[in-house]
Amino acid sequence: MPITKERVNEIAMIVLQEKMEREGQLKLVPFEIKRTIKNSAKKMNMPAEEVAEVVKIIFERAYIKTIAEIDKVISGKVEE
């Protein structure tokens, strides 16, 4: 059974998210993020708005994971 485009996109998003988190490439410098989005969109010949939506999803997921880890420290459930 062939894989659907939606499933390919879902897997690609997960792989990208994990790679960026593992390599620590999620910088919270607004003007750099904006510039990177616009430059990437231009290189890929895609609307900057679409690229920005994907970047937003990645940052939201990373934020949620980060807050969860901080909450573990606060609650004393830190794994060494």
PDB file of N, CA and C in Angstrom:
ATOM      1  N   MET A   1       0.846  -1.181   0.000  1.00  0.00           N
ATOM      2  CA  MET A   1       0.000   0.000   0.000  1.00  0.00           C
ATOM      3  C   MET A   1       0.891   1.244   0.000  1.00  0.00           C
ATOM      4  N   PRO A   2       0.707   2.151  -0.951  1.00  0.00           N
ATOM      5  CA  PRO A   2       1.541   3.353  -1.016  1.00  0.00           C
ATOM      6  C   PRO A   2       1.250   4.295   0.153  1.00  0.00           C
ATOM      7  N   ILE A   3       2.283   4.996   0.550  1.00  0.00           N
ATOM      8  CA  ILE A   3       2.164   5.948   1.650  1.00  0.00           C
ATOM      9  C   ILE A   3       1.508   7.236   1.142  1.00  0.00           C
ATOM     10  N   THR A   4       0.637   7.803   1.935  1.00  0.00           N
ATOM     11  CA  THR A   4      -0.054   9.026   1.519  1.00  0.00           C
ATOM     12  C   THR A   4       0.849  10.237   1.708  1.00  0.00           C
ATOM     13  N   LYS A   5       0.529  11.277   0.995  1.00  0.00           N
ATOM     14  CA  LYS A   5       1.281  12.524   1.113  1.00  0.00           C
ATOM     15  C   LYS A   5       1.171  13.079   2.539  1.00  0.00           C
ATOM     16  N   GLU A   6       0.009  12.939   3.136  1.00  0.00           N
ATOM     17  CA  GLU A   6      -0.191  13.427   4.505  1.00  0.00           C
ATOM     18  C   GLU A   6       0.720  12.689   5.474  1.00  0.00           C
ATOM     19  N   ARG A   7       0.850  11.369   5.296  1.00  0.00           N
ATOM     20  CA  ARG A   7       1.706  10.569   6.176  1.00  0.00           C
ATOM     21  C   ARG A   7       3.176  10.931   5.971  1.00  0.00           C
ATOM     22  N   VAL A   8       3.576  11.142   4.734  1.00  0.00           N
ATOM     23  CA  VAL A   8       4.946  11.570   4.447  1.00  0.00           C
ATOM     24  C   VAL A   8       5.228  12.891   5.159  1.00  0.00           C
ATOM     25  N   ASN A   9       4.300  13.821   5.069  1.00  0.00           N
ATOM     26  CA  ASN A   9       4.474  15.114   5.718  1.00  0.00           C
ATOM     27  C   ASN A   9       4.556  14.972   7.233  1.00  0.00           C
ATOM     28  N   GLU A  10       3.730  14.104   7.794  1.00  0.00           N
ATOM     29  CA  GLU A  10       3.738  13.876   9.244  1.00  0.00           C
ATOM     30  C   GLU A  10       5.091  13.319   9.692  1.00  0.00           C
ATOM     31  N   ILE A  11       5.595  12.336   8.972  1.00  0.00           N
ATOM     32  CA  ILE A  11       6.887  11.737   9.311  1.00  0.00           C
ATOM     33  C   ILE A  11       8.009  12.755   9.140  1.00  0.00           C
ATOM     34  N   ALA A  12       7.977  13.510   8.062  1.00  0.00           N
ATOM     35  CA  ALA A  12       9.003  14.518   7.820  1.00  0.00           C
ATOM     36  C   ALA A  12       9.030  15.561   8.929  1.00  0.00           C
ATOM     37  N   MET A  13       7.867  15.963   9.411  1.00  0.00           N
ATOM     38  CA  MET A  13       7.789  16.947  10.493  1.00  0.00           C
ATOM     39  C   MET A  13       8.417  16.398  11.769  1.00  0.00           C
ATOM     40  N   ILE A  14       8.130  15.146  12.081  1.00  0.00           N
ATOM     41  CA  ILE A  14       8.690  14.526  13.284  1.00  0.00           C
ATOM     42  C   ILE A  14      10.210  14.434  13.178  1.00  0.00           C
ATOM     43  N   VAL A  15      10.708  13.995  12.036  1.00  0.00           N
ATOM     44  CA  VAL A  15      12.153  13.868  11.829  1.00  0.00           C
ATOM     45  C   VAL A  15      12.826  15.232  11.936  1.00  0.00           C
ATOM     46  N   LEU A  16      12.259  16.234  11.304  1.00  0.00           N
ATOM     47  CA  LEU A  16      12.810  17.585  11.362  1.00  0.00           C
ATOM     48  C   LEU A  16      12.817  18.119  12.789  1.00  0.00           C
ATOM     49  N   GLN A  17      11.709  17.938  13.491  1.00  0.00           N
ATOM     50  CA  GLN A  17      11.588  18.400  14.878  1.00  0.00           C
ATOM     51  C   GLN A  17      12.676  17.773  15.748  1.00  0.00           C
ATOM     52  N   GLU A  18      12.821  16.462  15.660  1.00  0.00           N
ATOM     53  CA  GLU A  18      13.812  15.761  16.478  1.00  0.00           C
ATOM     54  C   GLU A  18      15.232  16.200  16.131  1.00  0.00           C
ATOM     55  N   LYS A  19      15.516  16.369  14.860  1.00  0.00           N
ATOM     56  CA  LYS A  19      16.852  16.794  14.436  1.00  0.00           C
ATOM     57  C   LYS A  19      17.168  18.187  14.966  1.00  0.00           C
ATOM     58  N   MET A  20      16.232  19.087  14.847  1.00  0.00           N
ATOM     59  CA  MET A  20      16.471  20.456  15.300  1.00  0.00           C
ATOM     60  C   MET A  20      16.635  20.511  16.814  1.00  0.00           C
ATOM     61  N   GLU A  21      15.846  19.751  17.538  1.00  0.00           N
ATOM     62  CA  GLU A  21      15.960  19.742  18.994  1.00  0.00           C
ATOM     63  C   GLU A  21      17.279  19.102  19.427  1.00  0.00           C
ATOM     64  N   ARG A  22      17.635  18.008  18.803  1.00  0.00           N
ATOM     65  CA  ARG A  22      18.857  17.294  19.157  1.00  0.00           C
ATOM     66  C   ARG A  22      20.095  18.146  18.892  1.00  0.00           C
ATOM     67  N   GLU A  23      20.085  18.867  17.805  1.00  0.00           N
ATOM     68  CA  GLU A  23      21.241  19.676  17.435  1.00  0.00           C
ATOM     69  C   GLU A  23      21.178  21.083  18.024  1.00  0.00           C
ATOM     70  N   GLY A  24      20.114  21.375  18.739  1.00  0.00           N
ATOM     71  CA  GLY A  24      20.005  22.671  19.403  1.00  0.00           C
ATOM     72  C   GLY A  24      19.914  23.852  18.459  1.00  0.00           C
ATOM     73  N   GLN A  25      19.223  23.694  17.380  1.00  0.00           N
ATOM     74  CA  GLN A  25      19.144  24.744  16.375  1.00  0.00           C
ATOM     75  C   GLN A  25      17.914  25.636  16.519  1.00  0.00           C
ATOM     76  N   LEU A  26      17.255  25.575  17.638  1.00  0.00           N
ATOM     77  CA  LEU A  26      16.062  26.393  17.834  1.00  0.00           C
ATOM     78  C   LEU A  26      16.433  27.664  18.599  1.00  0.00           C
ATOM     79  N   LYS A  27      16.798  28.688  17.873  1.00  0.00           N
ATOM     80  CA  LYS A  27      17.158  29.961  18.485  1.00  0.00           C
ATOM     81  C   LYS A  27      15.931  30.856  18.543  1.00  0.00           C
ATOM     82  N   LEU A  28      15.788  31.544  19.640  1.00  0.00           N
ATOM     83  CA  LEU A  28      14.656  32.455  19.795  1.00  0.00           C
ATOM     84  C   LEU A  28      15.095  33.902  19.579  1.00  0.00           C
ATOM     85  N   VAL A  29      15.588  34.167  18.394  1.00  0.00           N
ATOM     86  CA  VAL A  29      15.999  35.507  18.007  1.00  0.00           C
ATOM     87  C   VAL A  29      15.055  35.941  16.881  1.00  0.00           C
ATOM     88  N   PRO A  30      14.033  36.745  17.238  1.00  0.00           N
ATOM     89  CA  PRO A  30      12.968  37.054  16.285  1.00  0.00           C
ATOM     90  C   PRO A  30      13.422  37.525  14.900  1.00  0.00           C
ATOM     91  N   PHE A  31      14.340  38.473  14.828  1.00  0.00           N
ATOM     92  CA  PHE A  31      14.722  38.987  13.500  1.00  0.00           C
ATOM     93  C   PHE A  31      15.467  37.928  12.694  1.00  0.00           C
ATOM     94  N   GLU A  32      16.228  37.038  13.359  1.00  0.00           N
ATOM     95  CA  GLU A  32      16.910  35.955  12.647  1.00  0.00           C
ATOM     96  C   GLU A  32      15.903  34.931  12.127  1.00  0.00           C
ATOM     97  N   ILE A  33      14.911  34.630  12.946  1.00  0.00           N
ATOM     98  CA  ILE A  33      13.878  33.674  12.537  1.00  0.00           C
ATOM     99  C   ILE A  33      13.135  34.208  11.316  1.00  0.00           C
ATOM    100  N   LYS A  34      12.744  35.472  11.385  1.00  0.00           N
ATOM    101  CA  LYS A  34      12.013  36.092  10.273  1.00  0.00           C
ATOM    102  C   LYS A  34      12.858  36.069   8.996  1.00  0.00           C
ATOM    103  N   ARG A  35      14.125  36.427   9.117  1.00  0.00           N
ATOM    104  CA  ARG A  35      15.016  36.452   7.957  1.00  0.00           C
ATOM    105  C   ARG A  35      15.194  35.047   7.391  1.00  0.00           C
ATOM    106  N   THR A  36      15.390  34.070   8.271  1.00  0.00           N
ATOM    107  CA  THR A  36      15.581  32.688   7.834  1.00  0.00           C
ATOM    108  C   THR A  36      14.347  32.168   7.120  1.00  0.00           C
ATOM    109  N   ILE A  37      13.177  32.482   7.659  1.00  0.00           N
ATOM    110  CA  ILE A  37      11.924  32.057   7.019  1.00  0.00           C
ATOM    111  C   ILE A  37      11.835  32.639   5.613  1.00  0.00           C
ATOM    112  N   LYS A  38      12.064  33.927   5.501  1.00  0.00           N
ATOM    113  CA  LYS A  38      11.947  34.581   4.184  1.00  0.00           C
ATOM    114  C   LYS A  38      12.982  34.051   3.199  1.00  0.00           C
ATOM    115  N   ASN A  39      14.230  33.865   3.660  1.00  0.00           N
ATOM    116  CA  ASN A  39      15.277  33.347   2.772  1.00  0.00           C
ATOM    117  C   ASN A  39      14.998  31.913   2.362  1.00  0.00           C
ATOM    118  N   SER A  40      14.556  31.091   3.307  1.00  0.00           N
ATOM    119  CA  SER A  40      14.250  29.698   3.000  1.00  0.00           C
ATOM    120  C   SER A  40      13.087  29.599   2.022  1.00  0.00           C
ATOM    121  N   ALA A  41      12.067  30.382   2.262  1.00  0.00           N
ATOM    122  CA  ALA A  41      10.905  30.373   1.367  1.00  0.00           C
ATOM    123  C   ALA A  41      11.311  30.758  -0.054  1.00  0.00           C
ATOM    124  N   LYS A  42      12.161  31.747  -0.145  1.00  0.00           N
ATOM    125  CA  LYS A  42      12.619  32.202  -1.462  1.00  0.00           C
ATOM    126  C   LYS A  42      13.400  31.088  -2.163  1.00  0.00           C
ATOM    127  N   LYS A  43      14.305  30.419  -1.436  1.00  0.00           N
ATOM    128  CA  LYS A  43      15.100  29.330  -2.009  1.00  0.00           C
ATOM    129  C   LYS A  43      14.220  28.178  -2.465  1.00  0.00           C
ATOM    130  N   MET A  44      13.171  27.879  -1.686  1.00  0.00           N
ATOM    131  CA  MET A  44      12.285  26.756  -2.001  1.00  0.00           C
ATOM    132  C   MET A  44      11.150  27.150  -2.932  1.00  0.00           C
ATOM    133  N   ASN A  45      11.090  28.427  -3.285  1.00  0.00           N
ATOM    134  CA  ASN A  45      10.025  28.947  -4.144  1.00  0.00           C
ATOM    135  C   ASN A  45       8.654  28.642  -3.544  1.00  0.00           C
ATOM    136  N   MET A  46       8.539  28.950  -2.245  1.00  0.00           N
ATOM    137  CA  MET A  46       7.294  28.717  -1.518  1.00  0.00           C
ATOM    138  C   MET A  46       6.867  30.019  -0.856  1.00  0.00           C
ATOM    139  N   PRO A  47       5.589  30.162  -0.567  1.00  0.00           N
ATOM    140  CA  PRO A  47       5.145  31.365   0.144  1.00  0.00           C
ATOM    141  C   PRO A  47       5.741  31.404   1.560  1.00  0.00           C
ATOM    142  N   ALA A  48       6.238  32.555   1.945  1.00  0.00           N
ATOM    143  CA  ALA A  48       6.826  32.723   3.277  1.00  0.00           C
ATOM    144  C   ALA A  48       5.807  32.413   4.369  1.00  0.00           C
ATOM    145  N   GLU A  49       4.545  32.678   4.092  1.00  0.00           N
ATOM    146  CA  GLU A  49       3.493  32.417   5.073  1.00  0.00           C
ATOM    147  C   GLU A  49       3.405  30.919   5.399  1.00  0.00           C
ATOM    148  N   GLU A  50       3.539  30.073   4.382  1.00  0.00           N
ATOM    149  CA  GLU A  50       3.480  28.628   4.603  1.00  0.00           C
ATOM    150  C   GLU A  50       4.689  28.146   5.395  1.00  0.00           C
ATOM    151  N   VAL A  51       5.843  28.628   5.048  1.00  0.00           N
ATOM    152  CA  VAL A  51       7.065  28.257   5.772  1.00  0.00           C
ATOM    153  C   VAL A  51       6.948  28.718   7.222  1.00  0.00           C
ATOM    154  N   ALA A  52       6.424  29.921   7.421  1.00  0.00           N
ATOM    155  CA  ALA A  52       6.255  30.451   8.777  1.00  0.00           C
ATOM    156  C   ALA A  52       5.308  29.583   9.593  1.00  0.00           C
ATOM    157  N   GLU A  53       4.260  29.061   8.985  1.00  0.00           N
ATOM    158  CA  GLU A  53       3.321  28.182   9.697  1.00  0.00           C
ATOM    159  C   GLU A  53       4.030  26.929  10.203  1.00  0.00           C
ATOM    160  N   VAL A  54       4.883  26.344   9.356  1.00  0.00           N
ATOM    161  CA  VAL A  54       5.629  25.145   9.758  1.00  0.00           C
ATOM    162  C   VAL A  54       6.605  25.477  10.878  1.00  0.00           C
ATOM    163  N   VAL A  55       7.304  26.568  10.753  1.00  0.00           N
ATOM    164  CA  VAL A  55       8.249  26.999  11.795  1.00  0.00           C
ATOM    165  C   VAL A  55       7.510  27.228  13.111  1.00  0.00           C
ATOM    166  N   LYS A  56       6.348  27.830  13.034  1.00  0.00           N
ATOM    167  CA  LYS A  56       5.550  28.077  14.235  1.00  0.00           C
ATOM    168  C   LYS A  56       5.186  26.757  14.929  1.00  0.00           C
ATOM    169  N   ILE A  57       4.789  25.764  14.167  1.00  0.00           N
ATOM    170  CA  ILE A  57       4.453  24.456  14.728  1.00  0.00           C
ATOM    171  C   ILE A  57       5.674  23.857  15.424  1.00  0.00           C
ATOM    172  N   ILE A  58       6.821  23.928  14.781  1.00  0.00           N
ATOM    173  CA  ILE A  58       8.046  23.384  15.357  1.00  0.00           C
ATOM    174  C   ILE A  58       8.385  24.075  16.675  1.00  0.00           C
ATOM    175  N   PHE A  59       8.302  25.386  16.696  1.00  0.00           N
ATOM    176  CA  PHE A  59       8.620  26.127  17.915  1.00  0.00           C
ATOM    177  C   PHE A  59       7.608  25.839  19.019  1.00  0.00           C
ATOM    178  N   GLU A  60       6.336  25.717  18.682  1.00  0.00           N
ATOM    179  CA  GLU A  60       5.323  25.408  19.692  1.00  0.00           C
ATOM    180  C   GLU A  60       5.574  24.039  20.310  1.00  0.00           C
ATOM    181  N   ARG A  61       5.906  23.051  19.490  1.00  0.00           N
ATOM    182  CA  ARG A  61       6.185  21.709  20.011  1.00  0.00           C
ATOM    183  C   ARG A  61       7.428  21.717  20.900  1.00  0.00           C
ATOM    184  N   ALA A  62       8.458  22.419  20.470  1.00  0.00           N
ATOM    185  CA  ALA A  62       9.690  22.497  21.262  1.00  0.00           C
ATOM    186  C   ALA A  62       9.423  23.201  22.590  1.00  0.00           C
ATOM    187  N   TYR A  63       8.611  24.231  22.561  1.00  0.00           N
ATOM    188  CA  TYR A  63       8.261  24.960  23.782  1.00  0.00           C
ATOM    189  C   TYR A  63       7.532  24.048  24.768  1.00  0.00           C
ATOM    190  N   ILE A  64       6.568  23.312  24.281  1.00  0.00           N
ATOM    191  CA  ILE A  64       5.798  22.409  25.144  1.00  0.00           C
ATOM    192  C   ILE A  64       6.710  21.366  25.786  1.00  0.00           C
ATOM    193  N   LYS A  65       7.622  20.787  25.006  1.00  0.00           N
ATOM    194  CA  LYS A  65       8.555  19.804  25.548  1.00  0.00           C
ATOM    195  C   LYS A  65       9.479  20.440  26.590  1.00  0.00           C
ATOM    196  N   THR A  66       9.937  21.642  26.313  1.00  0.00           N
ATOM    197  CA  THR A  66      10.839  22.342  27.233  1.00  0.00           C
ATOM    198  C   THR A  66      10.148  22.654  28.543  1.00  0.00           C
ATOM    199  N   ILE A  67       8.935  23.158  28.482  1.00  0.00           N
ATOM    200  CA  ILE A  67       8.175  23.467  29.697  1.00  0.00           C
ATOM    201  C   ILE A  67       7.937  22.195  30.511  1.00  0.00           C
ATOM    202  N   ALA A  68       7.667  21.084  29.849  1.00  0.00           N
ATOM    203  CA  ALA A  68       7.458  19.821  30.551  1.00  0.00           C
ATOM    204  C   ALA A  68       8.719  19.412  31.316  1.00  0.00           C
ATOM    205  N   GLU A  69       9.875  19.608  30.727  1.00  0.00           N
ATOM    206  CA  GLU A  69      11.135  19.286  31.403  1.00  0.00           C
ATOM    207  C   GLU A  69      11.387  20.229  32.580  1.00  0.00           C
ATOM    208  N   ILE A  70      11.073  21.490  32.406  1.00  0.00           N
ATOM    209  CA  ILE A  70      11.224  22.456  33.505  1.00  0.00           C
ATOM    210  C   ILE A  70      10.279  22.104  34.648  1.00  0.00           C
ATOM    211  N   ASP A  71       9.069  21.705  34.321  1.00  0.00           N
ATOM    212  CA  ASP A  71       8.101  21.295  35.345  1.00  0.00           C
ATOM    213  C   ASP A  71       8.604  20.102  36.148  1.00  0.00           C
ATOM    214  N   LYS A  72       9.325  19.185  35.483  1.00  0.00           N
ATOM    215  CA  LYS A  72       9.900  18.048  36.193  1.00  0.00           C
ATOM    216  C   LYS A  72      10.912  18.524  37.234  1.00  0.00           C
ATOM    217  N   VAL A  73      11.709  19.507  36.875  1.00  0.00           N
ATOM    218  CA  VAL A  73      12.699  20.049  37.809  1.00  0.00           C
ATOM    219  C   VAL A  73      11.983  20.707  38.987  1.00  0.00           C
ATOM    220  N   ILE A  74      10.976  21.486  38.695  1.00  0.00           N
ATOM    221  CA  ILE A  74      10.229  22.183  39.731  1.00  0.00           C
ATOM    222  C   ILE A  74       9.576  21.192  40.695  1.00  0.00           C
ATOM    223  N   SER A  75       9.038  20.110  40.153  1.00  0.00           N
ATOM    224  CA  SER A  75       8.339  19.147  41.002  1.00  0.00           C
ATOM    225  C   SER A  75       9.278  18.138  41.665  1.00  0.00           C
ATOM    226  N   GLY A  76      10.548  18.209  41.350  1.00  0.00           N
ATOM    227  CA  GLY A  76      11.516  17.309  41.950  1.00  0.00           C
ATOM    228  C   GLY A  76      11.571  15.943  41.291  1.00  0.00           C
ATOM    229  N   LYS A  77      11.001  15.810  40.107  1.00  0.00           N
ATOM    230  CA  LYS A  77      10.989  14.528  39.396  1.00  0.00           C
ATOM    231  C   LYS A  77      12.060  14.478  38.321  1.00  0.00           C
ATOM    232  N   VAL A  78      13.223  15.004  38.651  1.00  0.00           N
ATOM    233  CA  VAL A  78      14.314  15.069  37.676  1.00  0.00           C
ATOM    234  C   VAL A  78      15.035  13.727  37.607  1.00  0.00           C
ATOM    235  N   GLU A  79      15.254  13.271  36.406  1.00  0.00           N
ATOM    236  CA  GLU A  79      16.004  12.036  36.189  1.00  0.00           C
ATOM    237  C   GLU A  79      17.434  12.428  35.847  1.00  0.00           C
ATOM    238  N   GLU A  80      18.355  11.922  36.572  1.00  0.00           N
ATOM    239  CA  GLU A  80      19.785  12.239  36.331  1.00  0.00           C
ATOM    240  C   GLU A  80      20.315  11.395  35.213  1.00  0.00           C
TER     241      GLU A  80
END
